[in-house]
Amino acid sequence: MSASAAMPLVVVFGIITVLLVRSRDVKAWEAVLIGLFGFYTALTPIGWAVLGVVNWVLSGFIHT
């Protein structure tokens, strides 16, 4: 996935996180932990597997 394709996903997930924090469903420290978990998961070898699954799902939606 290129950076230009990843940016909309980052924005959408960021908006969802902000809305959850504002609605008090997720506390601020929980949002930070979620972000850190995602960041550190991306640094592991499983990050490539997650990236492959996301690419596969997105290509299914884009493919006509």
PDB file of N, CA and C in Angstrom:
ATOM      1  N   MET A   1       0.851  -1.163   0.000  1.00  0.00           N
ATOM      2  CA  MET A   1       0.000   0.000   0.000  1.00  0.00           C
ATOM      3  C   MET A   1       0.894   1.223   0.000  1.00  0.00           C
ATOM      4  N   SER A   2       0.625   2.141  -0.885  1.00  0.00           N
ATOM      5  CA  SER A   2       1.431   3.347  -0.960  1.00  0.00           C
ATOM      6  C   SER A   2       0.998   4.335   0.116  1.00  0.00           C
ATOM      7  N   ALA A   3       1.827   5.332   0.321  1.00  0.00           N
ATOM      8  CA  ALA A   3       1.524   6.340   1.334  1.00  0.00           C
ATOM      9  C   ALA A   3       0.265   7.114   0.973  1.00  0.00           C
ATOM     10  N   SER A   4       0.041   7.334  -0.326  1.00  0.00           N
ATOM     11  CA  SER A   4      -1.158   8.075  -0.730  1.00  0.00           C
ATOM     12  C   SER A   4      -2.424   7.267  -0.484  1.00  0.00           C
ATOM     13  N   ALA A   5      -2.335   5.945  -0.518  1.00  0.00           N
ATOM     14  CA  ALA A   5      -3.498   5.109  -0.226  1.00  0.00           C
ATOM     15  C   ALA A   5      -3.681   4.915   1.271  1.00  0.00           C
ATOM     16  N   ALA A   6      -2.608   4.997   2.035  1.00  0.00           N
ATOM     17  CA  ALA A   6      -2.693   4.791   3.474  1.00  0.00           C
ATOM     18  C   ALA A   6      -3.204   6.024   4.216  1.00  0.00           C
ATOM     19  N   MET A   7      -2.974   7.199   3.676  1.00  0.00           N
ATOM     20  CA  MET A   7      -3.378   8.424   4.370  1.00  0.00           C
ATOM     21  C   MET A   7      -4.885   8.498   4.633  1.00  0.00           C
ATOM     22  N   PRO A   8      -5.756   8.167   3.671  1.00  0.00           N
ATOM     23  CA  PRO A   8      -7.190   8.207   3.993  1.00  0.00           C
ATOM     24  C   PRO A   8      -7.564   7.252   5.129  1.00  0.00           C
ATOM     25  N   LEU A   9      -6.941   6.089   5.183  1.00  0.00           N
ATOM     26  CA  LEU A   9      -7.221   5.157   6.273  1.00  0.00           C
ATOM     27  C   LEU A   9      -6.771   5.729   7.607  1.00  0.00           C
ATOM     28  N   VAL A  10      -5.614   6.348   7.618  1.00  0.00           N
ATOM     29  CA  VAL A  10      -5.117   6.956   8.850  1.00  0.00           C
ATOM     30  C   VAL A  10      -6.062   8.055   9.316  1.00  0.00           C
ATOM     31  N   VAL A  11      -6.542   8.860   8.385  1.00  0.00           N
ATOM     32  CA  VAL A  11      -7.460   9.945   8.732  1.00  0.00           C
ATOM     33  C   VAL A  11      -8.772   9.389   9.276  1.00  0.00           C
ATOM     34  N   VAL A  12      -9.327   8.373   8.619  1.00  0.00           N
ATOM     35  CA  VAL A  12     -10.589   7.779   9.069  1.00  0.00           C
ATOM     36  C   VAL A  12     -10.433   7.173  10.461  1.00  0.00           C
ATOM     37  N   PHE A  13      -9.373   6.392  10.672  1.00  0.00           N
ATOM     38  CA  PHE A  13      -9.161   5.792  11.983  1.00  0.00           C
ATOM     39  C   PHE A  13      -8.895   6.856  13.046  1.00  0.00           C
ATOM     40  N   GLY A  14      -8.223   7.922  12.676  1.00  0.00           N
ATOM     41  CA  GLY A  14      -7.997   9.021  13.618  1.00  0.00           C
ATOM     42  C   GLY A  14      -9.287   9.707  14.010  1.00  0.00           C
ATOM     43  N   ILE A  15     -10.171   9.941  13.039  1.00  0.00           N
ATOM     44  CA  ILE A  15     -11.464  10.565  13.334  1.00  0.00           C
ATOM     45  C   ILE A  15     -12.302   9.667  14.232  1.00  0.00           C
ATOM     46  N   ILE A  16     -12.311   8.374  13.927  1.00  0.00           N
ATOM     47  CA  ILE A  16     -13.069   7.426  14.760  1.00  0.00           C
ATOM     48  C   ILE A  16     -12.541   7.420  16.184  1.00  0.00           C
ATOM     49  N   THR A  17     -11.220   7.437  16.339  1.00  0.00           N
ATOM     50  CA  THR A  17     -10.627   7.451  17.676  1.00  0.00           C
ATOM     51  C   THR A  17     -11.001   8.722  18.424  1.00  0.00           C
ATOM     52  N   VAL A  18     -10.942   9.869  17.748  1.00  0.00           N
ATOM     53  CA  VAL A  18     -11.307  11.135  18.389  1.00  0.00           C
ATOM     54  C   VAL A  18     -12.773  11.122  18.801  1.00  0.00           C
ATOM     55  N   LEU A  19     -13.653  10.619  17.948  1.00  0.00           N
ATOM     56  CA  LEU A  19     -15.073  10.560  18.295  1.00  0.00           C
ATOM     57  C   LEU A  19     -15.331   9.630  19.474  1.00  0.00           C
ATOM     58  N   LEU A  20     -14.644   8.510  19.524  1.00  0.00           N
ATOM     59  CA  LEU A  20     -14.803   7.598  20.658  1.00  0.00           C
ATOM     60  C   LEU A  20     -14.310   8.230  21.956  1.00  0.00           C
ATOM     61  N   VAL A  21     -13.203   8.946  21.877  1.00  0.00           N
ATOM     62  CA  VAL A  21     -12.677   9.603  23.075  1.00  0.00           C
ATOM     63  C   VAL A  21     -13.641  10.699  23.530  1.00  0.00           C
ATOM     64  N   ARG A  22     -14.174  11.457  22.595  1.00  0.00           N
ATOM     65  CA  ARG A  22     -15.098  12.532  22.962  1.00  0.00           C
ATOM     66  C   ARG A  22     -16.410  12.007  23.521  1.00  0.00           C
ATOM     67  N   SER A  23     -16.851  10.846  23.039  1.00  0.00           N
ATOM     68  CA  SER A  23     -18.104  10.277  23.550  1.00  0.00           C
ATOM     69  C   SER A  23     -17.884   9.527  24.853  1.00  0.00           C
ATOM     70  N   ARG A  24     -16.646   9.506  25.315  1.00  0.00           N
ATOM     71  CA  ARG A  24     -16.254   8.861  26.575  1.00  0.00           C
ATOM     72  C   ARG A  24     -16.380   7.344  26.529  1.00  0.00           C
ATOM     73  N   ASP A  25     -16.455   6.765  25.330  1.00  0.00           N
ATOM     74  CA  ASP A  25     -16.421   5.311  25.212  1.00  0.00           C
ATOM     75  C   ASP A  25     -15.005   4.792  25.388  1.00  0.00           C
ATOM     76  N   VAL A  26     -14.038   5.605  25.002  1.00  0.00           N
ATOM     77  CA  VAL A  26     -12.628   5.259  25.158  1.00  0.00           C
ATOM     78  C   VAL A  26     -11.954   6.444  25.846  1.00  0.00           C
ATOM     79  N   LYS A  27     -11.235   6.168  26.882  1.00  0.00           N
ATOM     80  CA  LYS A  27     -10.512   7.227  27.594  1.00  0.00           C
ATOM     81  C   LYS A  27      -9.264   7.601  26.794  1.00  0.00           C
ATOM     82  N   ALA A  28      -8.710   8.756  27.099  1.00  0.00           N
ATOM     83  CA  ALA A  28      -7.541   9.247  26.364  1.00  0.00           C
ATOM     84  C   ALA A  28      -6.369   8.287  26.504  1.00  0.00           C
ATOM     85  N   TRP A  29      -6.128   7.761  27.689  1.00  0.00           N
ATOM     86  CA  TRP A  29      -4.992   6.853  27.870  1.00  0.00           C
ATOM     87  C   TRP A  29      -5.202   5.558  27.105  1.00  0.00           C
ATOM     88  N   GLU A  30      -6.468   5.133  26.948  1.00  0.00           N
ATOM     89  CA  GLU A  30      -6.740   3.930  26.162  1.00  0.00           C
ATOM     90  C   GLU A  30      -6.461   4.176  24.683  1.00  0.00           C
ATOM     91  N   ALA A  31      -6.790   5.383  24.207  1.00  0.00           N
ATOM     92  CA  ALA A  31      -6.498   5.730  22.813  1.00  0.00           C
ATOM     93  C   ALA A  31      -4.993   5.753  22.561  1.00  0.00           C
ATOM     94  N   VAL A  32      -4.242   6.249  23.532  1.00  0.00           N
ATOM     95  CA  VAL A  32      -2.786   6.265  23.400  1.00  0.00           C
ATOM     96  C   VAL A  32      -2.251   4.838  23.349  1.00  0.00           C
ATOM     97  N   LEU A  33      -2.782   3.973  24.211  1.00  0.00           N
ATOM     98  CA  LEU A  33      -2.339   2.574  24.197  1.00  0.00           C
ATOM     99  C   LEU A  33      -2.699   1.896  22.884  1.00  0.00           C
ATOM    100  N   ILE A  34      -3.882   2.187  22.334  1.00  0.00           N
ATOM    101  CA  ILE A  34      -4.278   1.617  21.045  1.00  0.00           C
ATOM    102  C   ILE A  34      -3.309   2.065  19.953  1.00  0.00           C
ATOM    103  N   GLY A  35      -2.968   3.345  19.961  1.00  0.00           N
ATOM    104  CA  GLY A  35      -2.024   3.856  18.973  1.00  0.00           C
ATOM    105  C   GLY A  35      -0.646   3.249  19.111  1.00  0.00           C
ATOM    106  N   LEU A  36      -0.170   3.135  20.348  1.00  0.00           N
ATOM    107  CA  LEU A  36       1.138   2.514  20.564  1.00  0.00           C
ATOM    108  C   LEU A  36       1.138   1.052  20.156  1.00  0.00           C
ATOM    109  N   PHE A  37       0.052   0.348  20.440  1.00  0.00           N
ATOM    110  CA  PHE A  37      -0.044  -1.046  20.025  1.00  0.00           C
ATOM    111  C   PHE A  37       0.053  -1.152  18.503  1.00  0.00           C
ATOM    112  N   GLY A  38      -0.676  -0.292  17.792  1.00  0.00           N
ATOM    113  CA  GLY A  38      -0.608  -0.298  16.333  1.00  0.00           C
ATOM    114  C   GLY A  38       0.775   0.039  15.816  1.00  0.00           C
ATOM    115  N   PHE A  39       1.399   1.017  16.449  1.00  0.00           N
ATOM    116  CA  PHE A  39       2.733   1.428  16.030  1.00  0.00           C
ATOM    117  C   PHE A  39       3.740   0.296  16.215  1.00  0.00           C
ATOM    118  N   TYR A  40       3.720  -0.327  17.377  1.00  0.00           N
ATOM    119  CA  TYR A  40       4.677  -1.394  17.640  1.00  0.00           C
ATOM    120  C   TYR A  40       4.351  -2.659  16.862  1.00  0.00           C
ATOM    121  N   THR A  41       3.080  -2.894  16.570  1.00  0.00           N
ATOM    122  CA  THR A  41       2.718  -4.031  15.732  1.00  0.00           C
ATOM    123  C   THR A  41       3.267  -3.842  14.325  1.00  0.00           C
ATOM    124  N   ALA A  42       3.244  -2.616  13.842  1.00  0.00           N
ATOM    125  CA  ALA A  42       3.761  -2.340  12.503  1.00  0.00           C
ATOM    126  C   ALA A  42       5.266  -2.573  12.416  1.00  0.00           C
ATOM    127  N   LEU A  43       5.960  -2.470  13.526  1.00  0.00           N
ATOM    128  CA  LEU A  43       7.406  -2.671  13.525  1.00  0.00           C
ATOM    129  C   LEU A  43       7.807  -4.142  13.559  1.00  0.00           C
ATOM    130  N   THR A  44       6.868  -5.034  13.848  1.00  0.00           N
ATOM    131  CA  THR A  44       7.165  -6.455  13.928  1.00  0.00           C
ATOM    132  C   THR A  44       6.942  -7.108  12.571  1.00  0.00           C
ATOM    133  N   PRO A  45       7.403  -8.340  12.405  1.00  0.00           N
ATOM    134  CA  PRO A  45       7.161  -9.042  11.141  1.00  0.00           C
ATOM    135  C   PRO A  45       5.665  -9.241  10.836  1.00  0.00           C
ATOM    136  N   ILE A  46       4.827  -9.269  11.863  1.00  0.00           N
ATOM    137  CA  ILE A  46       3.399  -9.430  11.607  1.00  0.00           C
ATOM    138  C   ILE A  46       2.816  -8.165  10.952  1.00  0.00           C
ATOM    139  N   GLY A  47       3.540  -7.057  11.058  1.00  0.00           N
ATOM    140  CA  GLY A  47       3.101  -5.827  10.401  1.00  0.00           C
ATOM    141  C   GLY A  47       2.955  -6.014   8.898  1.00  0.00           C
ATOM    142  N   TRP A  48       3.857  -6.790   8.311  1.00  0.00           N
ATOM    143  CA  TRP A  48       3.779  -7.065   6.876  1.00  0.00           C
ATOM    144  C   TRP A  48       2.556  -7.924   6.557  1.00  0.00           C
ATOM    145  N   ALA A  49       2.217  -8.847   7.451  1.00  0.00           N
ATOM    146  CA  ALA A  49       1.031  -9.681   7.245  1.00  0.00           C
ATOM    147  C   ALA A  49      -0.240  -8.830   7.332  1.00  0.00           C
ATOM    148  N   VAL A  50      -0.275  -7.928   8.299  1.00  0.00           N
ATOM    149  CA  VAL A  50      -1.432  -7.030   8.426  1.00  0.00           C
ATOM    150  C   VAL A  50      -1.543  -6.153   7.184  1.00  0.00           C
ATOM    151  N   LEU A  51      -0.428  -5.650   6.715  1.00  0.00           N
ATOM    152  CA  LEU A  51      -0.423  -4.837   5.504  1.00  0.00           C
ATOM    153  C   LEU A  51      -0.923  -5.629   4.299  1.00  0.00           C
ATOM    154  N   GLY A  52      -0.516  -6.890   4.191  1.00  0.00           N
ATOM    155  CA  GLY A  52      -0.988  -7.732   3.098  1.00  0.00           C
ATOM    156  C   GLY A  52      -2.482  -7.979   3.157  1.00  0.00           C
ATOM    157  N   VAL A  53      -3.023  -8.201   4.356  1.00  0.00           N
ATOM    158  CA  VAL A  53      -4.468  -8.413   4.498  1.00  0.00           C
ATOM    159  C   VAL A  53      -5.234  -7.145   4.136  1.00  0.00           C
ATOM    160  N   VAL A  54      -4.752  -6.006   4.589  1.00  0.00           N
ATOM    161  CA  VAL A  54      -5.417  -4.736   4.263  1.00  0.00           C
ATOM    162  C   VAL A  54      -5.373  -4.490   2.760  1.00  0.00           C
ATOM    163  N   ASN A  55      -4.235  -4.748   2.141  1.00  0.00           N
ATOM    164  CA  ASN A  55      -4.135  -4.593   0.682  1.00  0.00           C
ATOM    165  C   ASN A  55      -5.093  -5.531  -0.038  1.00  0.00           C
ATOM    166  N   TRP A  56      -5.213  -6.760   0.436  1.00  0.00           N
ATOM    167  CA  TRP A  56      -6.105  -7.742  -0.181  1.00  0.00           C
ATOM    168  C   TRP A  56      -7.559  -7.290  -0.076  1.00  0.00           C
ATOM    169  N   VAL A  57      -7.949  -6.817   1.099  1.00  0.00           N
ATOM    170  CA  VAL A  57      -9.335  -6.357   1.291  1.00  0.00           C
ATOM    171  C   VAL A  57      -9.614  -5.132   0.439  1.00  0.00           C
ATOM    172  N   LEU A  58      -8.697  -4.172   0.436  1.00  0.00           N
ATOM    173  CA  LEU A  58      -8.907  -2.953  -0.350  1.00  0.00           C
ATOM    174  C   LEU A  58      -8.910  -3.258  -1.849  1.00  0.00           C
ATOM    175  N   SER A  59      -8.072  -4.167  -2.289  1.00  0.00           N
ATOM    176  CA  SER A  59      -8.081  -4.513  -3.715  1.00  0.00           C
ATOM    177  C   SER A  59      -9.393  -5.196  -4.100  1.00  0.00           C
ATOM    178  N   GLY A  60     -10.011  -5.897  -3.165  1.00  0.00           N
ATOM    179  CA  GLY A  60     -11.313  -6.491  -3.430  1.00  0.00           C
ATOM    180  C   GLY A  60     -12.390  -5.447  -3.621  1.00  0.00           C
ATOM    181  N   PHE A  61     -12.303  -4.349  -2.873  1.00  0.00           N
ATOM    182  CA  PHE A  61     -13.281  -3.270  -3.012  1.00  0.00           C
ATOM    183  C   PHE A  61     -13.031  -2.446  -4.270  1.00  0.00           C
ATOM    184  N   ILE A  62     -11.773  -2.273  -4.632  1.00  0.00           N
ATOM    185  CA  ILE A  62     -11.421  -1.444  -5.781  1.00  0.00           C
ATOM    186  C   ILE A  62     -11.588  -2.195  -7.091  1.00  0.00           C
ATOM    187  N   HIS A  63     -11.305  -3.488  -7.079  1.00  0.00           N
ATOM    188  CA  HIS A  63     -11.373  -4.307  -8.290  1.00  0.00           C
ATOM    189  C   HIS A  63     -12.812  -4.391  -8.797  1.00  0.00           C
ATOM    190  N   THR A  64     -12.982  -4.161 -10.087  1.00  0.00           N
ATOM    191  CA  THR A  64     -14.338  -4.240 -10.663  1.00  0.00           C
ATOM    192  C   THR A  64     -14.434  -5.400 -11.611  1.00  0.00           C
TER     193      THR A  64
END
